[in-house]
Amino acid sequence: MTLKLHNLLMHDMIITELEYQDRESVLKEMVNFLKKKDRISKEKELYEKLLQREELGSTAIGEGVAIPHCKIKGVKDSIVMLAISKEGVNFQSTDGKPSHVFFLVVSSPDNPSVNLQILAAIAHLIRKSSSLMKKILKAKNVSAILDVIHEEEKKLDG
């Protein structure tokens, strides 16, 4: 059974327009968002872990997408959030282009396989759906974004 992104991404876990345009500020903005939503308690630790992960190598995978991720103790259920920057952010992508869509994944170090399954599900969807990014960027609101992801996943299953 493959994990489905539309089952993991909750309605209240989407930022439709990021304020900032640099990597560190975008990571901080997403971490602060999770803190406000009461999904994390150790925001400083989470931010530092995400930065450390970026220093190992950018999580921008090209095609306008980045998947910042890390494992942190105290996370019961994996967190998947989506953030969008219409302007684009220099996330040091492999293709040199700005990133517009960010899938942030935070999971527990006690369950590494779940983390890998989530990352694989995101990467698979992005690779297989050539129009996903354009459709997400054109979507007018959170519901439309979720519909796009659901529709694209259904096409892949079909």
N, C-alpha and C. Protein backbone atom coordinates (compact mmCIF):
# COMPACT_ATOMS: atom_id res chain seq x y z
N MET A 1 0.85 -1.20 0.00
CA MET A 1 0.00 0.00 0.00
C MET A 1 0.88 1.25 0.00
N THR A 2 0.80 1.99 -1.05
CA THR A 2 1.59 3.21 -1.16
C THR A 2 0.94 4.34 -0.38
N LEU A 3 1.77 5.11 0.29
CA LEU A 3 1.24 6.29 0.98
C LEU A 3 0.74 7.28 -0.05
N LYS A 4 -0.35 7.92 0.27
CA LYS A 4 -0.91 8.95 -0.61
C LYS A 4 -0.73 10.31 0.05
N LEU A 5 -0.17 11.22 -0.70
CA LEU A 5 0.09 12.55 -0.20
C LEU A 5 -1.20 13.25 0.23
N HIS A 6 -2.26 13.07 -0.54
CA HIS A 6 -3.51 13.76 -0.18
C HIS A 6 -4.09 13.26 1.14
N ASN A 7 -3.67 12.07 1.59
CA ASN A 7 -4.11 11.58 2.90
C ASN A 7 -3.26 12.14 4.03
N LEU A 8 -2.04 12.55 3.71
CA LEU A 8 -1.10 13.03 4.73
C LEU A 8 -1.16 14.54 4.92
N LEU A 9 -1.52 15.23 3.86
CA LEU A 9 -1.49 16.69 3.87
C LEU A 9 -2.84 17.23 4.33
N MET A 10 -2.86 17.81 5.52
CA MET A 10 -4.11 18.31 6.08
C MET A 10 -4.40 19.72 5.57
N HIS A 11 -5.67 20.04 5.57
CA HIS A 11 -6.16 21.33 5.09
C HIS A 11 -5.46 22.51 5.78
N ASP A 12 -5.19 22.36 7.08
CA ASP A 12 -4.59 23.47 7.84
C ASP A 12 -3.06 23.44 7.82
N MET A 13 -2.48 22.63 6.93
CA MET A 13 -1.02 22.52 6.86
C MET A 13 -0.47 23.07 5.54
N ILE A 14 -1.14 24.08 5.02
CA ILE A 14 -0.72 24.67 3.75
C ILE A 14 -0.57 26.18 3.89
N ILE A 15 0.57 26.68 3.46
CA ILE A 15 0.77 28.14 3.37
C ILE A 15 0.66 28.48 1.89
N THR A 16 -0.35 29.28 1.53
CA THR A 16 -0.57 29.55 0.11
C THR A 16 0.38 30.60 -0.46
N GLU A 17 0.99 31.40 0.38
CA GLU A 17 2.00 32.35 -0.12
C GLU A 17 3.00 32.66 0.98
N LEU A 18 4.23 32.21 0.78
CA LEU A 18 5.31 32.50 1.73
C LEU A 18 5.68 33.97 1.65
N GLU A 19 6.04 34.54 2.80
CA GLU A 19 6.43 35.94 2.85
C GLU A 19 7.85 36.15 2.35
N TYR A 20 8.73 35.20 2.64
CA TYR A 20 10.16 35.43 2.43
C TYR A 20 10.68 34.78 1.16
N GLN A 21 11.87 35.24 0.72
CA GLN A 21 12.45 34.72 -0.51
C GLN A 21 13.85 34.15 -0.34
N ASP A 22 14.29 33.93 0.91
CA ASP A 22 15.60 33.29 1.07
C ASP A 22 15.42 32.02 1.89
N ARG A 23 16.34 31.09 1.69
CA ARG A 23 16.21 29.75 2.25
C ARG A 23 16.00 29.74 3.76
N GLU A 24 16.86 30.44 4.50
CA GLU A 24 16.77 30.42 5.97
C GLU A 24 15.44 30.99 6.45
N SER A 25 15.01 32.11 5.86
CA SER A 25 13.75 32.74 6.28
C SER A 25 12.54 31.86 5.96
N VAL A 26 12.59 31.19 4.81
CA VAL A 26 11.49 30.30 4.42
C VAL A 26 11.40 29.13 5.41
N LEU A 27 12.54 28.55 5.75
CA LEU A 27 12.53 27.45 6.72
C LEU A 27 11.97 27.95 8.06
N LYS A 28 12.41 29.11 8.48
CA LYS A 28 11.94 29.68 9.75
C LYS A 28 10.44 29.96 9.69
N GLU A 29 9.98 30.49 8.57
CA GLU A 29 8.55 30.77 8.40
C GLU A 29 7.71 29.49 8.52
N MET A 30 8.18 28.41 7.90
CA MET A 30 7.45 27.14 7.97
C MET A 30 7.46 26.58 9.39
N VAL A 31 8.61 26.68 10.07
CA VAL A 31 8.71 26.20 11.45
C VAL A 31 7.78 27.02 12.36
N ASN A 32 7.77 28.33 12.20
CA ASN A 32 6.88 29.18 13.01
C ASN A 32 5.42 28.86 12.76
N PHE A 33 5.09 28.54 11.52
CA PHE A 33 3.73 28.14 11.15
C PHE A 33 3.32 26.88 11.93
N LEU A 34 4.23 25.89 11.96
CA LEU A 34 3.95 24.65 12.70
C LEU A 34 3.80 24.91 14.19
N LYS A 35 4.60 25.84 14.72
CA LYS A 35 4.53 26.19 16.13
C LYS A 35 3.17 26.83 16.43
N LYS A 36 2.75 27.76 15.58
CA LYS A 36 1.44 28.42 15.77
C LYS A 36 0.30 27.42 15.72
N LYS A 37 0.46 26.40 14.89
CA LYS A 37 -0.58 25.37 14.75
C LYS A 37 -0.48 24.33 15.87
N ASP A 38 0.49 24.52 16.75
CA ASP A 38 0.69 23.62 17.88
C ASP A 38 1.07 22.20 17.46
N ARG A 39 1.77 22.10 16.32
CA ARG A 39 2.20 20.78 15.85
C ARG A 39 3.59 20.41 16.34
N ILE A 40 4.35 21.41 16.80
CA ILE A 40 5.70 21.16 17.31
C ILE A 40 5.90 21.97 18.58
N SER A 41 6.84 21.51 19.40
CA SER A 41 7.15 22.26 20.63
C SER A 41 8.56 22.82 20.60
N LYS A 42 9.46 22.14 19.89
CA LYS A 42 10.87 22.56 19.88
C LYS A 42 11.21 23.24 18.56
N GLU A 43 10.67 24.44 18.36
CA GLU A 43 10.87 25.07 17.04
C GLU A 43 12.33 25.40 16.74
N LYS A 44 13.09 25.79 17.77
CA LYS A 44 14.50 26.13 17.53
C LYS A 44 15.27 24.88 17.07
N GLU A 45 15.03 23.79 17.75
CA GLU A 45 15.69 22.53 17.39
C GLU A 45 15.29 22.09 15.97
N LEU A 46 14.00 22.21 15.65
CA LEU A 46 13.53 21.82 14.33
C LEU A 46 14.19 22.68 13.26
N TYR A 47 14.22 23.99 13.47
CA TYR A 47 14.85 24.90 12.50
C TYR A 47 16.32 24.52 12.29
N GLU A 48 17.03 24.27 13.39
CA GLU A 48 18.45 23.92 13.28
C GLU A 48 18.66 22.61 12.54
N LYS A 49 17.78 21.64 12.79
CA LYS A 49 17.90 20.34 12.10
C LYS A 49 17.63 20.49 10.60
N LEU A 50 16.65 21.32 10.26
CA LEU A 50 16.35 21.55 8.84
C LEU A 50 17.53 22.23 8.15
N LEU A 51 18.12 23.21 8.84
CA LEU A 51 19.29 23.90 8.27
C LEU A 51 20.46 22.94 8.10
N GLN A 52 20.69 22.10 9.13
CA GLN A 52 21.79 21.11 9.04
C GLN A 52 21.56 20.20 7.84
N ARG A 53 20.32 19.79 7.62
CA ARG A 53 20.01 18.90 6.50
C ARG A 53 20.31 19.61 5.17
N GLU A 54 19.97 20.89 5.08
CA GLU A 54 20.25 21.66 3.85
C GLU A 54 21.75 21.77 3.61
N GLU A 55 22.54 21.86 4.69
CA GLU A 55 23.99 22.01 4.52
C GLU A 55 24.61 20.72 3.98
N LEU A 56 23.97 19.59 4.24
CA LEU A 56 24.46 18.32 3.69
C LEU A 56 24.28 18.30 2.17
N GLY A 57 23.30 19.03 1.72
CA GLY A 57 22.97 19.08 0.29
C GLY A 57 21.57 19.60 0.18
N SER A 58 21.33 20.47 -0.77
CA SER A 58 20.02 21.10 -0.89
C SER A 58 18.93 20.05 -1.07
N THR A 59 17.77 20.31 -0.45
CA THR A 59 16.62 19.42 -0.62
C THR A 59 15.76 19.89 -1.80
N ALA A 60 16.25 20.89 -2.53
CA ALA A 60 15.56 21.32 -3.75
C ALA A 60 15.88 20.30 -4.83
N ILE A 61 14.84 19.66 -5.34
CA ILE A 61 15.07 18.55 -6.28
C ILE A 61 14.91 18.97 -7.74
N GLY A 62 14.74 20.26 -7.97
CA GLY A 62 14.54 20.73 -9.33
C GLY A 62 13.07 20.84 -9.66
N GLU A 63 12.76 21.30 -10.87
CA GLU A 63 11.37 21.48 -11.31
C GLU A 63 10.59 22.42 -10.39
N GLY A 64 11.29 23.29 -9.64
CA GLY A 64 10.59 24.24 -8.77
C GLY A 64 10.16 23.68 -7.43
N VAL A 65 10.68 22.51 -7.07
CA VAL A 65 10.25 21.84 -5.85
C VAL A 65 11.41 21.62 -4.88
N ALA A 66 11.11 21.82 -3.60
CA ALA A 66 12.06 21.46 -2.53
C ALA A 66 11.31 20.63 -1.50
N ILE A 67 12.03 19.69 -0.91
CA ILE A 67 11.43 18.83 0.12
C ILE A 67 12.29 18.89 1.39
N PRO A 68 12.28 20.04 2.09
CA PRO A 68 13.04 20.08 3.34
C PRO A 68 12.47 19.05 4.31
N HIS A 69 13.37 18.33 4.98
CA HIS A 69 12.89 17.28 5.88
C HIS A 69 13.92 16.99 6.95
N CYS A 70 13.44 16.45 8.06
CA CYS A 70 14.34 15.99 9.11
C CYS A 70 13.54 15.13 10.09
N LYS A 71 14.28 14.51 10.98
CA LYS A 71 13.66 13.73 12.04
C LYS A 71 13.91 14.46 13.36
N ILE A 72 12.92 14.45 14.22
CA ILE A 72 13.06 15.13 15.50
C ILE A 72 12.31 14.34 16.57
N LYS A 73 12.93 14.20 17.72
CA LYS A 73 12.29 13.47 18.82
C LYS A 73 11.04 14.22 19.29
N GLY A 74 10.05 13.45 19.73
CA GLY A 74 8.85 14.06 20.28
C GLY A 74 7.74 14.27 19.25
N VAL A 75 7.99 13.89 17.99
CA VAL A 75 6.94 13.98 16.98
C VAL A 75 6.23 12.63 16.96
N LYS A 76 4.95 12.63 17.32
CA LYS A 76 4.21 11.37 17.34
C LYS A 76 3.86 10.93 15.92
N ASP A 77 3.09 11.76 15.24
CA ASP A 77 2.72 11.46 13.86
C ASP A 77 3.54 12.35 12.94
N SER A 78 3.99 11.79 11.84
CA SER A 78 4.76 12.58 10.89
C SER A 78 3.96 13.81 10.47
N ILE A 79 4.67 14.90 10.26
CA ILE A 79 4.04 16.14 9.83
C ILE A 79 4.41 16.37 8.37
N VAL A 80 3.41 16.62 7.57
CA VAL A 80 3.65 16.98 6.17
C VAL A 80 2.96 18.32 5.96
N MET A 81 3.72 19.30 5.51
CA MET A 81 3.09 20.58 5.19
C MET A 81 3.55 21.03 3.81
N LEU A 82 2.79 21.93 3.24
CA LEU A 82 3.07 22.45 1.91
C LEU A 82 3.11 23.96 2.00
N ALA A 83 4.12 24.55 1.39
CA ALA A 83 4.20 26.01 1.34
C ALA A 83 4.52 26.41 -0.10
N ILE A 84 3.96 27.54 -0.49
CA ILE A 84 4.10 27.98 -1.88
C ILE A 84 4.69 29.38 -1.92
N SER A 85 5.60 29.58 -2.86
CA SER A 85 6.15 30.91 -3.11
C SER A 85 6.00 31.19 -4.61
N LYS A 86 5.08 32.07 -4.94
CA LYS A 86 4.89 32.40 -6.36
C LYS A 86 6.13 33.10 -6.91
N GLU A 87 6.80 33.89 -6.06
CA GLU A 87 8.02 34.60 -6.47
C GLU A 87 9.17 33.62 -6.72
N GLY A 88 9.23 32.58 -5.91
CA GLY A 88 10.33 31.63 -6.00
C GLY A 88 11.43 31.96 -5.01
N VAL A 89 12.11 30.92 -4.56
CA VAL A 89 13.16 31.06 -3.55
C VAL A 89 14.41 30.36 -4.06
N ASN A 90 15.56 31.00 -3.89
CA ASN A 90 16.82 30.34 -4.25
C ASN A 90 17.11 29.30 -3.16
N PHE A 91 16.82 28.05 -3.45
CA PHE A 91 17.02 26.97 -2.49
C PHE A 91 18.21 26.11 -2.92
N GLN A 92 19.07 26.69 -3.75
CA GLN A 92 20.25 26.00 -4.28
C GLN A 92 19.87 24.68 -4.94
N SER A 93 18.92 24.78 -5.82
CA SER A 93 18.39 23.61 -6.52
C SER A 93 19.42 23.01 -7.47
N THR A 94 19.27 21.73 -7.74
CA THR A 94 20.18 21.03 -8.65
C THR A 94 20.11 21.61 -10.06
N ASP A 95 18.92 22.12 -10.46
CA ASP A 95 18.80 22.68 -11.81
C ASP A 95 19.04 24.20 -11.83
N GLY A 96 19.40 24.76 -10.67
CA GLY A 96 19.73 26.18 -10.61
C GLY A 96 18.53 27.11 -10.65
N LYS A 97 17.32 26.55 -10.72
CA LYS A 97 16.11 27.37 -10.78
C LYS A 97 15.53 27.57 -9.39
N PRO A 98 14.77 28.66 -9.22
CA PRO A 98 14.16 28.88 -7.90
C PRO A 98 13.12 27.81 -7.57
N SER A 99 12.91 27.58 -6.28
CA SER A 99 11.88 26.65 -5.82
C SER A 99 10.61 27.44 -5.51
N HIS A 100 9.48 26.88 -5.91
CA HIS A 100 8.19 27.54 -5.67
C HIS A 100 7.30 26.73 -4.74
N VAL A 101 7.49 25.44 -4.71
CA VAL A 101 6.64 24.56 -3.91
C VAL A 101 7.52 23.79 -2.94
N PHE A 102 7.14 23.87 -1.66
CA PHE A 102 7.92 23.24 -0.59
C PHE A 102 7.07 22.23 0.15
N PHE A 103 7.53 20.99 0.15
CA PHE A 103 6.89 19.96 0.96
C PHE A 103 7.79 19.75 2.16
N LEU A 104 7.36 20.19 3.33
CA LEU A 104 8.16 20.01 4.55
C LEU A 104 7.71 18.73 5.24
N VAL A 105 8.66 17.87 5.56
CA VAL A 105 8.35 16.60 6.22
C VAL A 105 9.15 16.50 7.52
N VAL A 106 8.42 16.32 8.62
CA VAL A 106 9.06 16.14 9.92
C VAL A 106 8.55 14.84 10.50
N SER A 107 9.47 13.96 10.86
CA SER A 107 9.03 12.68 11.42
C SER A 107 9.89 12.27 12.59
N SER A 108 9.47 11.22 13.24
CA SER A 108 10.16 10.73 14.42
C SER A 108 11.35 9.87 14.03
N PRO A 109 12.48 10.01 14.75
CA PRO A 109 13.62 9.13 14.46
C PRO A 109 13.32 7.68 14.81
N ASP A 110 12.25 7.44 15.59
CA ASP A 110 11.90 6.08 16.00
C ASP A 110 11.24 5.30 14.86
N ASN A 111 10.82 5.99 13.82
CA ASN A 111 10.13 5.30 12.73
C ASN A 111 10.67 5.77 11.37
N PRO A 112 11.95 5.44 11.08
CA PRO A 112 12.57 5.97 9.86
C PRO A 112 11.90 5.51 8.56
N SER A 113 11.26 4.36 8.57
CA SER A 113 10.67 3.87 7.32
C SER A 113 9.51 4.76 6.88
N VAL A 114 8.76 5.29 7.84
CA VAL A 114 7.64 6.18 7.49
C VAL A 114 8.17 7.43 6.80
N ASN A 115 9.25 7.99 7.33
CA ASN A 115 9.88 9.16 6.73
C ASN A 115 10.24 8.88 5.27
N LEU A 116 10.88 7.75 5.03
CA LEU A 116 11.29 7.39 3.67
C LEU A 116 10.08 7.19 2.76
N GLN A 117 9.02 6.59 3.28
CA GLN A 117 7.82 6.36 2.47
C GLN A 117 7.18 7.69 2.07
N ILE A 118 7.15 8.64 3.00
CA ILE A 118 6.56 9.95 2.69
C ILE A 118 7.40 10.66 1.63
N LEU A 119 8.72 10.68 1.83
CA LEU A 119 9.61 11.34 0.86
C LEU A 119 9.48 10.67 -0.51
N ALA A 120 9.39 9.34 -0.52
CA ALA A 120 9.25 8.61 -1.78
C ALA A 120 7.93 8.95 -2.46
N ALA A 121 6.85 9.06 -1.69
CA ALA A 121 5.54 9.37 -2.26
C ALA A 121 5.55 10.76 -2.90
N ILE A 122 6.18 11.72 -2.23
CA ILE A 122 6.27 13.08 -2.78
C ILE A 122 7.12 13.08 -4.05
N ALA A 123 8.30 12.48 -3.97
CA ALA A 123 9.21 12.46 -5.12
C ALA A 123 8.56 11.75 -6.32
N HIS A 124 7.87 10.66 -6.05
CA HIS A 124 7.20 9.89 -7.11
C HIS A 124 6.15 10.76 -7.81
N LEU A 125 5.33 11.43 -7.02
CA LEU A 125 4.27 12.27 -7.58
C LEU A 125 4.87 13.39 -8.44
N ILE A 126 5.92 14.00 -7.95
CA ILE A 126 6.55 15.11 -8.68
C ILE A 126 7.18 14.62 -9.99
N ARG A 127 7.85 13.49 -9.92
CA ARG A 127 8.49 12.95 -11.13
C ARG A 127 7.46 12.52 -12.18
N LYS A 128 6.38 11.90 -11.73
CA LYS A 128 5.41 11.30 -12.66
C LYS A 128 4.38 12.31 -13.19
N SER A 129 4.13 13.37 -12.45
CA SER A 129 3.11 14.33 -12.86
C SER A 129 3.76 15.59 -13.38
N SER A 130 3.81 15.72 -14.70
CA SER A 130 4.51 16.85 -15.30
C SER A 130 3.80 18.18 -15.05
N SER A 131 2.49 18.13 -14.80
CA SER A 131 1.75 19.39 -14.65
C SER A 131 1.46 19.75 -13.19
N LEU A 132 1.88 18.91 -12.26
CA LEU A 132 1.54 19.12 -10.85
C LEU A 132 1.94 20.51 -10.35
N MET A 133 3.18 20.90 -10.59
CA MET A 133 3.66 22.17 -10.06
C MET A 133 2.89 23.35 -10.63
N LYS A 134 2.68 23.35 -11.95
CA LYS A 134 1.93 24.44 -12.58
C LYS A 134 0.52 24.52 -11.98
N LYS A 135 -0.10 23.37 -11.80
CA LYS A 135 -1.47 23.36 -11.27
C LYS A 135 -1.51 23.84 -9.82
N ILE A 136 -0.54 23.44 -9.02
CA ILE A 136 -0.50 23.90 -7.62
C ILE A 136 -0.33 25.42 -7.59
N LEU A 137 0.56 25.93 -8.43
CA LEU A 137 0.80 27.38 -8.44
C LEU A 137 -0.42 28.17 -8.94
N LYS A 138 -1.23 27.55 -9.80
CA LYS A 138 -2.42 28.24 -10.31
C LYS A 138 -3.62 28.11 -9.36
N ALA A 139 -3.58 27.14 -8.47
CA ALA A 139 -4.72 26.89 -7.58
C ALA A 139 -5.00 28.14 -6.73
N LYS A 140 -6.29 28.46 -6.60
CA LYS A 140 -6.68 29.71 -5.96
C LYS A 140 -6.73 29.63 -4.43
N ASN A 141 -6.88 28.44 -3.89
CA ASN A 141 -6.99 28.32 -2.43
C ASN A 141 -6.57 26.92 -1.98
N VAL A 142 -6.62 26.70 -0.68
CA VAL A 142 -6.16 25.44 -0.09
C VAL A 142 -6.94 24.25 -0.64
N SER A 143 -8.25 24.38 -0.73
CA SER A 143 -9.06 23.25 -1.24
C SER A 143 -8.67 22.90 -2.66
N ALA A 144 -8.44 23.92 -3.47
CA ALA A 144 -8.04 23.68 -4.87
C ALA A 144 -6.68 22.99 -4.93
N ILE A 145 -5.77 23.37 -4.05
CA ILE A 145 -4.44 22.74 -4.00
C ILE A 145 -4.59 21.25 -3.65
N LEU A 146 -5.39 20.97 -2.64
CA LEU A 146 -5.60 19.57 -2.23
C LEU A 146 -6.26 18.77 -3.35
N ASP A 147 -7.20 19.40 -4.04
CA ASP A 147 -7.87 18.73 -5.17
C ASP A 147 -6.86 18.38 -6.26
N VAL A 148 -5.96 19.31 -6.57
CA VAL A 148 -4.93 19.08 -7.59
C VAL A 148 -4.10 17.86 -7.22
N ILE A 149 -3.63 17.82 -5.97
CA ILE A 149 -2.78 16.70 -5.53
C ILE A 149 -3.55 15.38 -5.62
N HIS A 150 -4.80 15.40 -5.16
CA HIS A 150 -5.64 14.20 -5.19
C HIS A 150 -5.86 13.72 -6.63
N GLU A 151 -6.20 14.66 -7.51
CA GLU A 151 -6.43 14.31 -8.92
C GLU A 151 -5.18 13.72 -9.57
N GLU A 152 -4.03 14.34 -9.33
CA GLU A 152 -2.80 13.86 -9.93
C GLU A 152 -2.44 12.46 -9.40
N GLU A 153 -2.70 12.22 -8.13
CA GLU A 153 -2.43 10.88 -7.57
C GLU A 153 -3.37 9.85 -8.18
N LYS A 154 -4.62 10.24 -8.38
CA LYS A 154 -5.59 9.32 -9.01
C LYS A 154 -5.15 8.95 -10.41
N LYS A 155 -4.63 9.93 -11.16
CA LYS A 155 -4.15 9.67 -12.54
C LYS A 155 -3.02 8.64 -12.52
N LEU A 156 -2.13 8.75 -11.55
CA LEU A 156 -0.99 7.83 -11.46
C LEU A 156 -1.46 6.41 -11.16
N ASP A 157 -2.52 6.29 -10.35
CA ASP A 157 -3.04 4.96 -10.01
C ASP A 157 -3.76 4.34 -11.19
N GLY A 158 -4.40 5.21 -11.99
CA GLY A 158 -5.21 4.74 -13.11
C GLY A 158 -4.34 4.16 -14.18
